[in-house]
Protein backbone atom coordinates (compact mmCIF):
# COMPACT_ATOMS: atom_id res chain seq x y z
CA MET A 1 0.00 0.00 0.00
CA VAL A 2 1.21 3.49 -0.86
CA GLU A 3 0.95 5.87 2.10
CA ILE A 4 -0.92 9.05 1.11
CA LYS A 5 -0.15 12.15 3.16
CA THR A 6 -2.33 15.13 4.00
CA PRO A 7 -1.00 18.63 3.25
CA GLU A 8 -0.32 19.02 6.98
CA GLN A 9 1.74 15.83 7.00
CA VAL A 10 3.67 16.95 3.92
CA ALA A 11 4.52 20.14 5.81
CA LYS A 12 5.93 18.03 8.66
CA MET A 13 8.00 16.05 6.16
CA ARG A 14 9.32 19.33 4.80
CA VAL A 15 10.78 20.04 8.25
CA ALA A 16 12.60 16.70 8.24
CA GLY A 17 13.73 17.29 4.67
CA LEU A 18 15.33 20.60 5.56
CA VAL A 19 17.31 18.95 8.36
CA VAL A 20 18.69 16.51 5.80
CA ALA A 21 19.50 19.41 3.47
CA GLU A 22 21.43 21.15 6.25
CA ALA A 23 23.39 18.01 7.08
CA LEU A 24 24.35 17.42 3.46
CA LYS A 25 25.30 21.09 3.03
CA ALA A 26 27.66 20.81 6.00
CA CYS A 27 29.17 17.58 4.68
CA ARG A 28 29.67 19.04 1.20
CA ALA A 29 31.50 22.02 2.66
CA ALA A 30 33.81 19.72 4.64
CA VAL A 31 34.79 17.37 1.80
CA ALA A 32 38.49 17.81 1.03
CA PRO A 33 41.68 15.77 0.75
CA GLY A 34 42.69 14.57 4.22
CA VAL A 35 39.13 14.38 5.58
CA SER A 36 37.93 10.97 6.70
CA THR A 37 34.48 9.53 6.08
CA GLN A 38 34.07 9.35 9.87
CA ASP A 39 34.71 13.11 10.04
CA LEU A 40 31.80 13.61 7.65
CA ASN A 41 29.62 11.26 9.68
CA ASP A 42 30.35 13.26 12.84
CA ILE A 43 29.48 16.52 11.09
CA ALA A 44 26.13 15.16 9.90
CA ALA A 45 25.39 13.70 13.34
CA LYS A 46 25.91 17.09 14.98
CA VAL A 47 23.62 18.87 12.50
CA ILE A 48 20.88 16.29 13.02
CA ALA A 49 21.16 16.52 16.81
CA ASP A 50 21.33 20.33 16.81
CA HIS A 51 17.98 20.41 14.98
CA GLY A 52 16.31 18.10 17.48
CA ALA A 53 16.05 15.31 14.90
CA THR A 54 17.18 11.69 14.97
CA SER A 55 18.89 9.58 12.33
CA ASN A 56 16.87 7.03 10.39
CA PHE A 57 20.06 5.32 9.26
CA ARG A 58 21.17 4.11 12.69
CA ALA A 59 18.27 1.70 12.98
CA ASP A 60 17.35 -1.91 12.35
CA HIS A 61 17.17 -2.50 8.60
CA GLY A 62 15.88 -6.02 8.21
CA GLY A 63 18.02 -7.39 10.99
CA LEU A 64 21.10 -5.32 10.08
CA TRP A 65 22.11 -2.27 12.11
CA PHE A 66 23.82 0.44 10.09
CA PRO A 67 26.66 1.97 12.13
CA GLY A 68 26.53 5.56 10.83
CA VAL A 69 24.18 8.48 10.25
CA ILE A 70 25.43 8.77 6.66
CA CYS A 71 26.36 6.33 3.96
CA ALA A 72 29.77 7.37 2.65
CA SER A 73 30.43 5.60 -0.67
CA VAL A 74 33.78 6.35 -2.30
CA ASN A 75 34.74 5.76 -5.94
CA ASN A 76 33.60 2.24 -6.92
CA GLU A 77 31.28 2.04 -3.90
CA VAL A 78 27.77 2.66 -5.22
CA VAL A 79 25.73 2.91 -1.99
CA HIS A 80 25.72 1.98 1.70
CA GLY A 81 29.41 2.66 2.33
CA ILE A 82 30.15 2.58 6.08
CA PRO A 83 31.86 5.72 7.44
CA GLY A 84 35.19 5.03 9.11
CA ASP A 85 38.89 5.82 8.97
CA ARG A 86 39.14 6.02 5.17
CA VAL A 87 40.76 9.34 4.25
CA LEU A 88 39.73 11.12 1.06
CA VAL A 89 42.41 12.00 -1.47
CA GLU A 90 42.57 14.37 -4.42
CA GLY A 91 40.58 12.98 -7.36
CA ASP A 92 38.20 10.83 -5.32
CA VAL A 93 34.44 11.08 -5.61
CA ILE A 94 32.17 10.42 -2.64
CA SER A 95 28.43 9.87 -2.50
CA ILE A 96 26.91 10.95 0.82
CA ASP A 97 23.44 9.65 1.70
CA CYS A 98 21.71 11.03 4.80
CA GLY A 99 18.33 10.84 6.52
CA ALA A 100 16.54 12.31 9.50
CA ILE A 101 13.32 11.90 11.47
CA VAL A 102 11.32 14.78 12.96
CA ASP A 103 8.11 14.05 14.87
CA GLY A 104 7.93 10.61 13.30
CA TRP A 105 8.31 11.80 9.71
CA HIS A 106 11.31 10.89 7.56
CA GLY A 107 13.54 12.72 5.12
CA ASP A 108 16.20 11.14 2.86
CA ALA A 109 18.59 12.56 0.25
CA ALA A 110 22.02 12.00 -1.28
CA ILE A 111 24.68 14.00 -3.09
CA THR A 112 27.88 13.15 -4.93
CA VAL A 113 30.86 15.38 -4.21
CA GLU A 114 34.15 15.65 -6.06
CA VAL A 115 37.30 15.71 -3.93
CA GLY A 116 39.43 18.43 -5.45
CA GLU A 117 40.04 18.05 -9.17
CA VAL A 118 38.67 14.83 -10.68
CA ALA A 119 38.99 13.14 -14.05
CA PRO A 120 36.67 14.52 -16.76
CA GLU A 121 34.66 11.31 -16.94
CA VAL A 122 34.06 11.41 -13.18
CA ALA A 123 32.74 14.96 -13.39
CA MET A 124 30.48 13.90 -16.26
CA LEU A 125 29.28 10.90 -14.25
CA SER A 126 28.06 13.03 -11.36
CA LYS A 127 26.47 15.60 -13.66
CA VAL A 128 24.59 12.96 -15.68
CA THR A 129 23.37 11.18 -12.56
CA GLU A 130 22.11 14.41 -11.01
CA GLY A 131 20.47 15.44 -14.27
CA SER A 132 18.64 12.13 -14.53
CA MET A 133 17.31 12.61 -11.00
CA TRP A 134 15.81 15.98 -11.93
CA ALA A 135 14.37 14.52 -15.15
CA GLY A 136 12.56 11.95 -13.01
CA ILE A 137 11.39 14.54 -10.49
CA ALA A 138 9.94 16.63 -13.31
CA GLN A 139 7.58 13.74 -14.11
CA MET A 140 6.16 13.65 -10.58
CA LYS A 141 2.91 15.27 -11.62
CA LYS A 142 -0.67 14.49 -10.72
CA ASN A 143 -2.10 11.62 -12.84
CA ASN A 144 1.26 10.56 -14.30
CA ARG A 145 2.28 6.95 -13.72
CA LEU A 146 5.26 5.65 -11.78
CA ALA A 147 6.71 4.29 -15.02
CA ASP A 148 6.83 7.85 -16.39
CA VAL A 149 9.41 8.66 -13.72
CA SER A 150 11.52 5.59 -14.50
CA LYS A 151 11.33 6.27 -18.23
CA ALA A 152 12.46 9.86 -17.76
CA ILE A 153 15.46 8.86 -15.65
CA GLU A 154 16.64 6.20 -18.07
CA GLY A 155 15.89 8.33 -21.12
CA PHE A 156 17.98 11.22 -19.83
CA ILE A 157 20.97 8.95 -19.19
CA ARG A 158 20.71 7.18 -22.55
CA ARG A 159 20.67 10.52 -24.39
CA GLN A 160 23.97 11.71 -22.92
CA PRO A 161 27.25 11.45 -24.83
CA LEU A 162 29.39 8.61 -23.61
CA PRO A 163 32.23 9.61 -21.28
CA PRO A 164 35.84 9.66 -22.54
CA LYS A 165 36.50 6.45 -20.64
CA GLY A 166 33.65 4.03 -20.03
CA LYS A 167 29.88 4.08 -20.51
CA TRP A 168 26.75 4.71 -18.45
CA GLY A 169 25.75 1.74 -16.31
CA ILE A 170 22.38 2.18 -14.58
CA THR A 171 22.67 0.16 -11.38
CA GLU A 172 20.31 -2.81 -11.33
CA GLY A 173 18.47 -3.99 -8.23
CA TYR A 174 18.50 -0.63 -6.45
CA GLY A 175 16.29 2.41 -6.84
CA GLY A 176 14.03 4.92 -5.18
CA HIS A 177 11.17 4.29 -2.78
CA GLY A 178 8.22 5.68 -0.96
CA ILE A 179 8.89 7.53 2.29
CA GLY A 180 6.82 8.91 5.15
CA THR A 181 6.27 7.30 8.54
CA ALA A 182 9.14 4.95 7.58
CA MET A 183 12.22 5.54 5.46
CA HIS A 184 11.61 2.74 2.98
CA MET A 185 8.01 2.22 1.86
CA GLU A 186 6.09 1.20 -1.22
CA PRO A 187 6.44 1.71 -4.11
CA HIS A 188 9.89 0.75 -5.36
CA VAL A 189 11.02 3.24 -8.02
CA LEU A 190 13.18 1.76 -10.77
CA ASN A 191 15.71 3.96 -12.56
CA TYR A 192 14.98 2.20 -15.84
CA VAL A 193 11.99 0.72 -17.64
CA GLU A 194 11.56 -2.99 -17.00
CA ARG A 195 9.63 -5.02 -19.53
CA GLY A 196 6.47 -6.60 -18.22
CA ARG A 197 6.30 -4.40 -15.16
CA GLY A 198 3.50 -2.22 -16.51
CA LYS A 199 2.92 1.47 -15.93
CA GLY A 200 2.72 1.21 -12.16
CA PRO A 201 0.42 3.16 -9.85
CA LYS A 202 -1.03 6.54 -10.74
CA LEU A 203 0.70 9.44 -9.01
CA VAL A 204 -1.75 11.31 -6.81
CA PRO A 205 -1.39 14.27 -4.45
CA GLY A 206 -0.05 13.13 -1.10
CA THR A 207 2.33 10.59 -2.62
CA VAL A 208 5.91 11.12 -1.43
CA LEU A 209 8.79 9.36 -3.18
CA CYS A 210 12.56 9.30 -3.04
CA ILE A 211 14.05 9.51 -6.51
CA GLU A 212 17.64 8.20 -6.45
CA PRO A 213 19.49 7.19 -9.60
CA MET A 214 22.80 5.35 -9.22
CA VAL A 215 25.03 5.28 -12.30
CA SER A 216 28.50 3.85 -12.96
CA LEU A 217 31.11 4.31 -15.67
CA GLY A 218 30.75 0.65 -16.59
CA THR A 219 28.61 -2.24 -15.46
CA PRO A 220 25.10 -2.04 -14.02
CA HIS A 221 25.94 -5.05 -11.84
CA THR A 222 26.97 -4.88 -8.20
CA LYS A 223 27.96 -7.04 -5.25
CA VAL A 224 27.81 -6.57 -1.48
CA LEU A 225 31.07 -6.68 0.47
CA GLU A 226 31.67 -8.85 3.53
CA ASP A 227 30.54 -6.03 5.84
CA ASP A 228 26.98 -6.87 4.61
CA TRP A 229 26.43 -3.23 3.64
CA THR A 230 28.82 -1.72 1.12
CA VAL A 231 27.63 -2.14 -2.48
CA VAL A 232 30.37 -1.95 -5.14
CA THR A 233 30.46 -2.30 -8.91
CA THR A 234 31.54 -5.76 -10.04
CA ASP A 235 34.03 -4.33 -12.56
CA GLY A 236 35.55 -1.72 -10.24
CA THR A 237 34.27 1.28 -12.19
CA TRP A 238 33.33 4.40 -10.26
CA ALA A 239 29.75 5.39 -9.49
CA ALA A 240 27.61 8.37 -8.51
CA HIS A 241 24.39 8.60 -6.49
CA TRP A 242 21.92 11.49 -6.18
CA GLU A 243 18.63 11.54 -4.28
CA HIS A 244 15.80 13.83 -3.16
CA SER A 245 12.52 13.27 -1.30
CA ILE A 246 9.60 14.72 -3.28
CA ALA A 247 5.92 15.21 -2.51
CA ILE A 248 3.29 15.33 -5.22
CA THR A 249 0.80 18.12 -4.52
CA GLU A 250 -2.15 19.67 -6.32
CA GLN A 251 0.19 22.51 -7.33
CA GLY A 252 3.03 20.32 -8.59
CA PRO A 253 6.10 18.58 -7.14
CA LEU A 254 7.65 19.84 -3.91
CA VAL A 255 11.25 18.75 -3.32
CA LEU A 256 11.26 18.35 0.44
CA THR A 257 15.04 17.99 0.76
CA ALA A 258 15.99 21.00 -1.41
CA PHE A 259 16.29 24.40 0.27
CA ASP A 260 14.23 26.10 -2.46
CA GLY A 261 11.78 23.22 -2.80
CA GLY A 262 13.23 22.43 -6.22
CA LYS A 263 12.10 25.70 -7.82
CA ALA A 264 15.28 26.54 -9.73
CA ALA A 265 16.07 23.10 -11.14
CA LEU A 266 12.45 22.38 -12.07
CA ALA A 267 11.98 25.81 -13.67
CA ALA A 268 14.91 25.00 -15.97
CA LEU A 269 12.88 21.98 -17.11
CA GLY A 270 9.69 23.99 -17.60
CA VAL A 271 8.04 22.69 -14.43
CA THR A 272 6.62 24.83 -11.64
CA ALA A 273 7.40 23.61 -8.14
CA ALA A 274 4.67 23.68 -5.51
CA PRO A 275 4.68 26.49 -2.94
CA ASP A 276 6.66 25.78 0.23
CA PRO A 277 4.18 24.96 3.01
CA LEU A 278 6.59 26.50 5.53
CA GLY A 279 6.60 29.81 3.68
């Protein structure tokens, strides 16, 4: 069942989303050669605590307890990288995924950050992945279907020129999800169109989804390391991950984890974002 929120509940999720935005902003500012992934975790933890929120990452996920408040995935790590003593170096790329709970409502978002100067194909990788996320968000309109979002994400990626080294691998088996009174809820949101899956549910006001494409410079295939969390590409190619939490409203999409509600990025795509319920 897809959880449908009232406008008042969407407003509460906006509060949680802004905490996530603040945590990711602080992490982005701190990324530099010599900084460890644990340093970034500590920064995010402080922001979450300072806002009176709690982490939805440090919880029981199907019998597994994640040890951090962020996922810190470096280079060939696609998602769910565990923060620790790994120190970032010039040319790395790190995907930082973060979530927070306020008054029982969840927020979830991710960014990919370049560490100093990176290879041209790595810069392209992050840009294409982020662009595909916004292409999907732009399809989160009343009466569209879930498959419209997946089609837009895949279509954007497939239209991009291939990078100087590699190709675009859309990670299989992972994708976006519903969010609300729990971090992971129905429906699952694929980042590509799967034959035989159908158009999926109709998108109605009150639906809140996380759109999160994960793209590599090579294979779409992954494996989980022995820590039972870290997901890496099977061919060792580097990956990027971008994510926002978005509510569908009568007035259009509202990006709960973007400071401006998604206005600027959506306007560039000819879409009007919904008014911010917090003013």
